[in-house]
Amino acid sequence: MRSPTDRPLDEMQTLMRRMREAMQLQRRRPVAPAAAWRPPMDLQATDDAYLVRIDLPGARREDVAAVAEDGVLHVRGETRMPEPMAQARRLRGERWLGRFARSVRLPSDADMSEISATLADGVLTVQVGRRPAGGRIQIAIGQ
């Protein structure tokens, strides 16, 4: 009686078949739900403000909401297919469409009372003020 290792070519073909089957199962998986979409974001600091930039190509101002609470910036919304394209048959789709959500904890010196946002060229820019850094305070020690 022969063991499986006596026929290395047969074993290799079996492994290749299993690998092809596994790859086909991967292709049949449903696409991640749109709620899972997290648009790319940058957080930058200047001397007097923090800038949060979030890529939202195709998003309309009325479809985006930004809320800041307890030191966290929350951005939610939805991107839609432009009307002329919605009627066309989609041959290939690589752009994210649907609902999105993104949250970022802001640094402790962020001044939530000084906050503004703009949406231009597919980029949401939120500017949050910075409180002045506390300097060094000399404390006199009494008797």
N, C-alpha and C. Protein backbone atom coordinates (compact mmCIF):
# COMPACT_ATOMS: atom_id res chain seq x y z
N MET A 1 0.84 -1.18 0.00
CA MET A 1 0.00 0.00 0.00
C MET A 1 0.88 1.24 0.00
N ARG A 2 0.50 2.23 -0.80
CA ARG A 2 1.29 3.45 -0.92
C ARG A 2 0.71 4.54 -0.03
N SER A 3 1.60 5.34 0.49
CA SER A 3 1.15 6.49 1.29
C SER A 3 1.02 7.70 0.36
N PRO A 4 0.29 8.76 0.75
CA PRO A 4 0.12 9.94 -0.11
C PRO A 4 1.44 10.59 -0.50
N THR A 5 2.44 10.43 0.33
CA THR A 5 3.73 11.06 0.01
C THR A 5 4.50 10.30 -1.06
N ASP A 6 4.04 9.11 -1.40
CA ASP A 6 4.69 8.35 -2.47
C ASP A 6 4.37 8.95 -3.83
N ARG A 7 3.33 9.75 -3.92
CA ARG A 7 2.93 10.34 -5.19
C ARG A 7 2.88 11.86 -5.05
N PRO A 8 4.03 12.51 -5.06
CA PRO A 8 4.07 13.96 -4.82
C PRO A 8 3.32 14.77 -5.88
N LEU A 9 3.30 14.33 -7.13
CA LEU A 9 2.58 15.07 -8.16
C LEU A 9 1.07 15.02 -7.91
N ASP A 10 0.55 13.87 -7.50
CA ASP A 10 -0.88 13.77 -7.19
C ASP A 10 -1.24 14.68 -6.01
N GLU A 11 -0.37 14.68 -5.02
CA GLU A 11 -0.62 15.51 -3.84
C GLU A 11 -0.59 16.99 -4.22
N MET A 12 0.34 17.36 -5.10
CA MET A 12 0.45 18.74 -5.53
C MET A 12 -0.79 19.15 -6.34
N GLN A 13 -1.28 18.29 -7.21
CA GLN A 13 -2.48 18.59 -7.98
C GLN A 13 -3.70 18.74 -7.07
N THR A 14 -3.78 17.91 -6.04
CA THR A 14 -4.88 18.02 -5.09
C THR A 14 -4.83 19.36 -4.37
N LEU A 15 -3.64 19.75 -3.95
CA LEU A 15 -3.49 21.05 -3.28
C LEU A 15 -3.84 22.20 -4.21
N MET A 16 -3.44 22.12 -5.46
CA MET A 16 -3.75 23.17 -6.44
C MET A 16 -5.26 23.26 -6.66
N ARG A 17 -5.95 22.12 -6.73
CA ARG A 17 -7.39 22.11 -6.92
C ARG A 17 -8.08 22.76 -5.73
N ARG A 18 -7.63 22.40 -4.52
CA ARG A 18 -8.21 23.00 -3.31
C ARG A 18 -7.99 24.51 -3.27
N MET A 19 -6.82 24.94 -3.71
CA MET A 19 -6.52 26.36 -3.72
C MET A 19 -7.42 27.10 -4.72
N ARG A 20 -7.63 26.53 -5.92
CA ARG A 20 -8.53 27.14 -6.91
C ARG A 20 -9.94 27.26 -6.35
N GLU A 21 -10.41 26.20 -5.67
CA GLU A 21 -11.75 26.22 -5.08
C GLU A 21 -11.86 27.29 -4.01
N ALA A 22 -10.84 27.43 -3.19
CA ALA A 22 -10.85 28.44 -2.14
C ALA A 22 -10.86 29.85 -2.73
N MET A 23 -10.13 30.05 -3.81
CA MET A 23 -10.10 31.37 -4.46
C MET A 23 -11.45 31.69 -5.07
N GLN A 24 -12.14 30.71 -5.62
CA GLN A 24 -13.46 30.97 -6.20
C GLN A 24 -14.46 31.31 -5.11
N LEU A 25 -14.35 30.67 -3.94
CA LEU A 25 -15.23 31.02 -2.82
C LEU A 25 -15.00 32.46 -2.39
N GLN A 26 -13.73 32.90 -2.41
CA GLN A 26 -13.42 34.28 -2.05
C GLN A 26 -14.11 35.25 -3.00
N ARG A 27 -14.13 34.95 -4.29
CA ARG A 27 -14.74 35.84 -5.28
C ARG A 27 -16.25 35.93 -5.11
N ARG A 28 -16.86 34.87 -4.60
CA ARG A 28 -18.32 34.86 -4.46
C ARG A 28 -18.80 35.58 -3.21
N ARG A 29 -17.90 35.93 -2.31
CA ARG A 29 -18.30 36.62 -1.08
C ARG A 29 -18.96 37.94 -1.41
N PRO A 30 -19.99 38.31 -0.65
CA PRO A 30 -20.61 39.61 -0.90
C PRO A 30 -19.66 40.74 -0.53
N VAL A 31 -19.86 41.86 -1.19
CA VAL A 31 -19.06 43.04 -0.91
C VAL A 31 -19.42 43.56 0.47
N ALA A 32 -18.47 44.15 1.16
CA ALA A 32 -18.71 44.69 2.50
C ALA A 32 -19.86 45.70 2.44
N PRO A 33 -20.69 45.73 3.47
CA PRO A 33 -21.80 46.68 3.45
C PRO A 33 -21.30 48.11 3.44
N ALA A 34 -22.09 48.99 2.82
CA ALA A 34 -21.67 50.37 2.67
C ALA A 34 -21.45 51.04 4.02
N ALA A 35 -22.15 50.57 5.06
CA ALA A 35 -21.98 51.18 6.38
C ALA A 35 -20.55 50.99 6.89
N ALA A 36 -19.83 50.04 6.33
CA ALA A 36 -18.46 49.77 6.77
C ALA A 36 -17.45 50.71 6.11
N TRP A 37 -17.91 51.54 5.17
CA TRP A 37 -16.99 52.42 4.46
C TRP A 37 -16.46 53.50 5.39
N ARG A 38 -15.14 53.58 5.49
CA ARG A 38 -14.48 54.61 6.29
C ARG A 38 -13.59 55.41 5.34
N PRO A 39 -14.02 56.61 4.98
CA PRO A 39 -13.22 57.39 4.04
C PRO A 39 -11.85 57.75 4.62
N PRO A 40 -10.84 57.88 3.76
CA PRO A 40 -9.50 58.23 4.24
C PRO A 40 -9.48 59.62 4.86
N MET A 41 -8.65 59.78 5.88
CA MET A 41 -8.63 61.00 6.66
C MET A 41 -7.20 61.39 7.03
N ASP A 42 -6.96 62.68 7.16
CA ASP A 42 -5.70 63.21 7.67
C ASP A 42 -6.02 64.12 8.85
N LEU A 43 -5.19 64.08 9.88
CA LEU A 43 -5.28 65.01 11.01
C LEU A 43 -3.95 65.73 11.07
N GLN A 44 -4.00 67.07 10.94
CA GLN A 44 -2.78 67.86 10.95
C GLN A 44 -2.90 68.95 12.00
N ALA A 45 -1.75 69.44 12.45
CA ALA A 45 -1.72 70.50 13.46
C ALA A 45 -0.93 71.68 12.93
N THR A 46 -1.50 72.87 13.14
CA THR A 46 -0.76 74.11 12.92
C THR A 46 -0.56 74.73 14.29
N ASP A 47 0.04 75.92 14.33
CA ASP A 47 0.28 76.56 15.63
C ASP A 47 -1.02 76.91 16.35
N ASP A 48 -2.08 77.24 15.59
CA ASP A 48 -3.31 77.70 16.23
C ASP A 48 -4.54 76.84 15.94
N ALA A 49 -4.39 75.74 15.20
CA ALA A 49 -5.57 74.93 14.87
C ALA A 49 -5.20 73.50 14.51
N TYR A 50 -6.20 72.64 14.59
CA TYR A 50 -6.10 71.28 14.06
C TYR A 50 -6.93 71.23 12.79
N LEU A 51 -6.43 70.54 11.78
CA LEU A 51 -7.16 70.38 10.53
C LEU A 51 -7.44 68.91 10.32
N VAL A 52 -8.71 68.60 10.12
CA VAL A 52 -9.12 67.24 9.79
C VAL A 52 -9.61 67.29 8.35
N ARG A 53 -9.00 66.50 7.49
CA ARG A 53 -9.39 66.45 6.08
C ARG A 53 -9.85 65.03 5.77
N ILE A 54 -11.05 64.94 5.22
CA ILE A 54 -11.64 63.63 4.90
C ILE A 54 -12.03 63.63 3.43
N ASP A 55 -11.56 62.64 2.68
CA ASP A 55 -11.89 62.52 1.26
C ASP A 55 -13.32 62.01 1.11
N LEU A 56 -14.17 62.80 0.47
CA LEU A 56 -15.56 62.43 0.24
C LEU A 56 -15.94 62.74 -1.21
N PRO A 57 -15.32 62.06 -2.17
CA PRO A 57 -15.62 62.38 -3.57
C PRO A 57 -17.09 62.12 -3.88
N GLY A 58 -17.69 63.11 -4.53
CA GLY A 58 -19.09 62.98 -4.93
C GLY A 58 -20.10 63.29 -3.85
N ALA A 59 -19.66 63.58 -2.63
CA ALA A 59 -20.60 63.89 -1.54
C ALA A 59 -21.15 65.30 -1.71
N ARG A 60 -22.45 65.44 -1.44
CA ARG A 60 -23.07 66.75 -1.47
C ARG A 60 -23.16 67.29 -0.04
N ARG A 61 -23.08 68.59 0.08
CA ARG A 61 -23.08 69.24 1.40
C ARG A 61 -24.28 68.80 2.23
N GLU A 62 -25.44 68.68 1.63
CA GLU A 62 -26.65 68.31 2.38
C GLU A 62 -26.67 66.84 2.80
N ASP A 63 -25.76 66.03 2.28
CA ASP A 63 -25.70 64.61 2.64
C ASP A 63 -24.61 64.30 3.66
N VAL A 64 -23.96 65.34 4.21
CA VAL A 64 -22.88 65.14 5.17
C VAL A 64 -23.23 65.86 6.48
N ALA A 65 -23.02 65.18 7.60
CA ALA A 65 -23.24 65.78 8.92
C ALA A 65 -21.97 65.62 9.76
N ALA A 66 -21.57 66.70 10.42
CA ALA A 66 -20.40 66.67 11.29
C ALA A 66 -20.83 67.16 12.67
N VAL A 67 -20.45 66.40 13.69
CA VAL A 67 -20.79 66.73 15.08
C VAL A 67 -19.55 66.54 15.93
N ALA A 68 -19.30 67.49 16.83
CA ALA A 68 -18.19 67.36 17.77
C ALA A 68 -18.75 67.32 19.18
N GLU A 69 -18.38 66.27 19.92
CA GLU A 69 -18.82 66.17 21.31
C GLU A 69 -17.79 65.39 22.11
N ASP A 70 -17.56 65.86 23.32
CA ASP A 70 -16.64 65.21 24.26
C ASP A 70 -15.26 64.94 23.64
N GLY A 71 -14.78 65.89 22.85
CA GLY A 71 -13.45 65.76 22.27
C GLY A 71 -13.34 64.83 21.08
N VAL A 72 -14.48 64.41 20.53
CA VAL A 72 -14.48 63.51 19.39
C VAL A 72 -15.25 64.15 18.24
N LEU A 73 -14.67 64.12 17.05
CA LEU A 73 -15.34 64.60 15.85
C LEU A 73 -15.96 63.41 15.15
N HIS A 74 -17.28 63.48 14.89
CA HIS A 74 -18.00 62.42 14.18
C HIS A 74 -18.48 62.98 12.84
N VAL A 75 -18.18 62.27 11.77
CA VAL A 75 -18.66 62.67 10.44
C VAL A 75 -19.41 61.48 9.86
N ARG A 76 -20.64 61.75 9.41
CA ARG A 76 -21.48 60.71 8.82
C ARG A 76 -22.13 61.27 7.56
N GLY A 77 -22.52 60.38 6.68
CA GLY A 77 -23.22 60.84 5.49
C GLY A 77 -23.40 59.74 4.49
N GLU A 78 -23.64 60.16 3.26
CA GLU A 78 -23.88 59.20 2.19
C GLU A 78 -23.44 59.80 0.86
N THR A 79 -22.80 58.98 0.05
CA THR A 79 -22.47 59.38 -1.31
C THR A 79 -23.36 58.58 -2.24
N ARG A 80 -23.80 59.23 -3.29
CA ARG A 80 -24.74 58.60 -4.23
C ARG A 80 -24.18 58.65 -5.65
N MET A 81 -24.71 57.77 -6.45
CA MET A 81 -24.36 57.75 -7.87
C MET A 81 -25.00 58.98 -8.52
N PRO A 82 -24.24 59.76 -9.30
CA PRO A 82 -24.84 60.89 -10.00
C PRO A 82 -25.99 60.40 -10.89
N GLU A 83 -27.04 61.19 -10.99
CA GLU A 83 -28.27 60.78 -11.68
C GLU A 83 -28.03 60.23 -13.10
N PRO A 84 -27.24 60.91 -13.96
CA PRO A 84 -27.04 60.34 -15.30
C PRO A 84 -26.39 58.96 -15.26
N MET A 85 -25.49 58.75 -14.31
CA MET A 85 -24.80 57.46 -14.22
C MET A 85 -25.68 56.40 -13.58
N ALA A 86 -26.64 56.79 -12.77
CA ALA A 86 -27.50 55.83 -12.08
C ALA A 86 -28.36 55.05 -13.08
N GLN A 87 -28.65 55.67 -14.22
CA GLN A 87 -29.47 55.01 -15.24
C GLN A 87 -28.64 54.09 -16.14
N ALA A 88 -27.34 54.28 -16.15
CA ALA A 88 -26.47 53.50 -17.02
C ALA A 88 -26.12 52.15 -16.38
N ARG A 89 -25.81 51.17 -17.22
CA ARG A 89 -25.39 49.86 -16.73
C ARG A 89 -23.95 49.96 -16.26
N ARG A 90 -23.70 49.49 -15.07
CA ARG A 90 -22.36 49.58 -14.48
C ARG A 90 -21.52 48.39 -14.93
N LEU A 91 -20.43 48.66 -15.63
CA LEU A 91 -19.54 47.61 -16.12
C LEU A 91 -18.42 47.32 -15.13
N ARG A 92 -18.03 48.34 -14.40
CA ARG A 92 -16.97 48.19 -13.40
C ARG A 92 -17.19 49.25 -12.34
N GLY A 93 -17.06 48.87 -11.10
CA GLY A 93 -17.27 49.83 -10.02
C GLY A 93 -16.17 49.74 -8.99
N GLU A 94 -15.41 50.79 -8.86
CA GLU A 94 -14.32 50.82 -7.89
C GLU A 94 -14.51 51.93 -6.86
N ARG A 95 -15.44 52.84 -7.12
CA ARG A 95 -15.65 53.94 -6.19
C ARG A 95 -16.64 53.51 -5.12
N TRP A 96 -16.41 53.96 -3.88
CA TRP A 96 -17.30 53.65 -2.78
C TRP A 96 -18.53 54.52 -2.88
N LEU A 97 -19.68 53.90 -2.76
CA LEU A 97 -20.94 54.62 -2.73
C LEU A 97 -21.73 54.12 -1.53
N GLY A 98 -22.58 54.97 -1.01
CA GLY A 98 -23.42 54.56 0.11
C GLY A 98 -23.05 55.31 1.37
N ARG A 99 -23.50 54.77 2.49
CA ARG A 99 -23.30 55.43 3.78
C ARG A 99 -21.86 55.28 4.26
N PHE A 100 -21.40 56.30 4.97
CA PHE A 100 -20.08 56.26 5.55
C PHE A 100 -20.13 56.88 6.94
N ALA A 101 -19.12 56.57 7.72
CA ALA A 101 -18.99 57.15 9.06
C ALA A 101 -17.51 57.18 9.42
N ARG A 102 -17.13 58.25 10.08
CA ARG A 102 -15.73 58.38 10.50
C ARG A 102 -15.70 59.19 11.79
N SER A 103 -14.94 58.75 12.76
CA SER A 103 -14.78 59.47 14.03
C SER A 103 -13.30 59.57 14.35
N VAL A 104 -12.94 60.69 14.97
CA VAL A 104 -11.55 60.88 15.37
C VAL A 104 -11.53 61.62 16.70
N ARG A 105 -10.74 61.11 17.63
CA ARG A 105 -10.56 61.80 18.92
C ARG A 105 -9.55 62.91 18.70
N LEU A 106 -9.94 64.11 19.10
CA LEU A 106 -9.06 65.26 18.94
C LEU A 106 -8.14 65.39 20.14
N PRO A 107 -6.97 65.99 19.96
CA PRO A 107 -6.04 66.17 21.08
C PRO A 107 -6.67 66.98 22.21
N SER A 108 -6.13 66.87 23.39
CA SER A 108 -6.73 67.48 24.58
C SER A 108 -6.75 69.00 24.55
N ASP A 109 -5.88 69.63 23.76
CA ASP A 109 -5.89 71.10 23.71
C ASP A 109 -6.78 71.65 22.60
N ALA A 110 -7.62 70.81 21.99
CA ALA A 110 -8.54 71.28 20.96
C ALA A 110 -9.63 72.13 21.60
N ASP A 111 -9.92 73.25 20.98
CA ASP A 111 -10.94 74.17 21.48
C ASP A 111 -12.22 73.94 20.68
N MET A 112 -13.13 73.18 21.26
CA MET A 112 -14.35 72.80 20.56
C MET A 112 -15.28 73.98 20.31
N SER A 113 -15.04 75.12 20.95
CA SER A 113 -15.89 76.29 20.71
C SER A 113 -15.48 77.02 19.43
N GLU A 114 -14.31 76.72 18.92
CA GLU A 114 -13.82 77.32 17.67
C GLU A 114 -13.69 76.23 16.61
N ILE A 115 -14.81 75.96 15.92
CA ILE A 115 -14.81 74.88 14.94
C ILE A 115 -15.59 75.33 13.72
N SER A 116 -15.07 74.98 12.54
CA SER A 116 -15.74 75.30 11.28
C SER A 116 -15.43 74.21 10.27
N ALA A 117 -16.26 74.12 9.23
CA ALA A 117 -16.06 73.07 8.23
C ALA A 117 -16.41 73.59 6.84
N THR A 118 -15.70 73.07 5.84
CA THR A 118 -16.00 73.37 4.44
C THR A 118 -15.92 72.07 3.64
N LEU A 119 -16.71 72.00 2.59
CA LEU A 119 -16.67 70.85 1.68
C LEU A 119 -16.41 71.41 0.29
N ALA A 120 -15.23 71.15 -0.25
CA ALA A 120 -14.86 71.65 -1.56
C ALA A 120 -13.99 70.63 -2.27
N ASP A 121 -14.24 70.45 -3.55
CA ASP A 121 -13.45 69.54 -4.39
C ASP A 121 -13.39 68.13 -3.82
N GLY A 122 -14.47 67.67 -3.20
CA GLY A 122 -14.53 66.31 -2.68
C GLY A 122 -13.78 66.09 -1.38
N VAL A 123 -13.37 67.18 -0.71
CA VAL A 123 -12.65 67.05 0.56
C VAL A 123 -13.38 67.87 1.62
N LEU A 124 -13.75 67.20 2.71
CA LEU A 124 -14.32 67.89 3.86
C LEU A 124 -13.16 68.32 4.75
N THR A 125 -13.08 69.63 5.04
CA THR A 125 -12.03 70.14 5.91
C THR A 125 -12.69 70.72 7.15
N VAL A 126 -12.34 70.16 8.30
CA VAL A 126 -12.84 70.67 9.57
C VAL A 126 -11.67 71.30 10.30
N GLN A 127 -11.85 72.56 10.69
CA GLN A 127 -10.80 73.29 11.40
C GLN A 127 -11.25 73.47 12.84
N VAL A 128 -10.42 73.02 13.77
CA VAL A 128 -10.71 73.10 15.19
C VAL A 128 -9.61 73.93 15.84
N GLY A 129 -9.99 74.96 16.57
CA GLY A 129 -9.01 75.82 17.23
C GLY A 129 -8.21 75.08 18.29
N ARG A 130 -7.06 75.66 18.64
CA ARG A 130 -6.22 75.11 19.71
C ARG A 130 -6.12 76.13 20.83
N ARG A 131 -6.26 75.65 22.04
CA ARG A 131 -6.05 76.53 23.19
C ARG A 131 -4.55 76.78 23.32
N PRO A 132 -4.18 77.97 23.76
CA PRO A 132 -2.75 78.24 23.91
C PRO A 132 -2.13 77.28 24.93
N ALA A 133 -0.96 76.84 24.60
CA ALA A 133 -0.26 75.92 25.52
C ALA A 133 0.09 76.67 26.79
N GLY A 134 -0.15 76.01 27.90
CA GLY A 134 0.17 76.63 29.19
C GLY A 134 1.68 76.70 29.35
N GLY A 135 2.13 77.83 29.80
CA GLY A 135 3.57 77.99 30.02
C GLY A 135 3.96 77.44 31.38
N ARG A 136 5.16 77.59 31.67
CA ARG A 136 5.69 77.13 32.96
C ARG A 136 5.36 78.18 34.02
N ILE A 137 4.83 77.74 35.13
CA ILE A 137 4.44 78.64 36.22
C ILE A 137 5.28 78.30 37.44
N GLN A 138 5.99 79.31 37.93
CA GLN A 138 6.79 79.13 39.12
C GLN A 138 5.89 79.29 40.34
N ILE A 139 5.91 78.32 41.23
CA ILE A 139 5.06 78.34 42.43
C ILE A 139 5.92 78.64 43.63
N ALA A 140 5.54 79.71 44.36
CA ALA A 140 6.28 80.08 45.56
C ALA A 140 5.82 79.20 46.72
N ILE A 141 6.76 78.68 47.44
CA ILE A 141 6.44 77.81 48.57
C ILE A 141 6.52 78.63 49.85
N GLY A 142 5.37 78.73 50.53
CA GLY A 142 5.31 79.53 51.76
C GLY A 142 5.72 78.71 52.97
N GLN A 143 5.79 79.41 54.13
CA GLN A 143 6.20 78.74 55.38
C GLN A 143 5.10 78.00 56.03
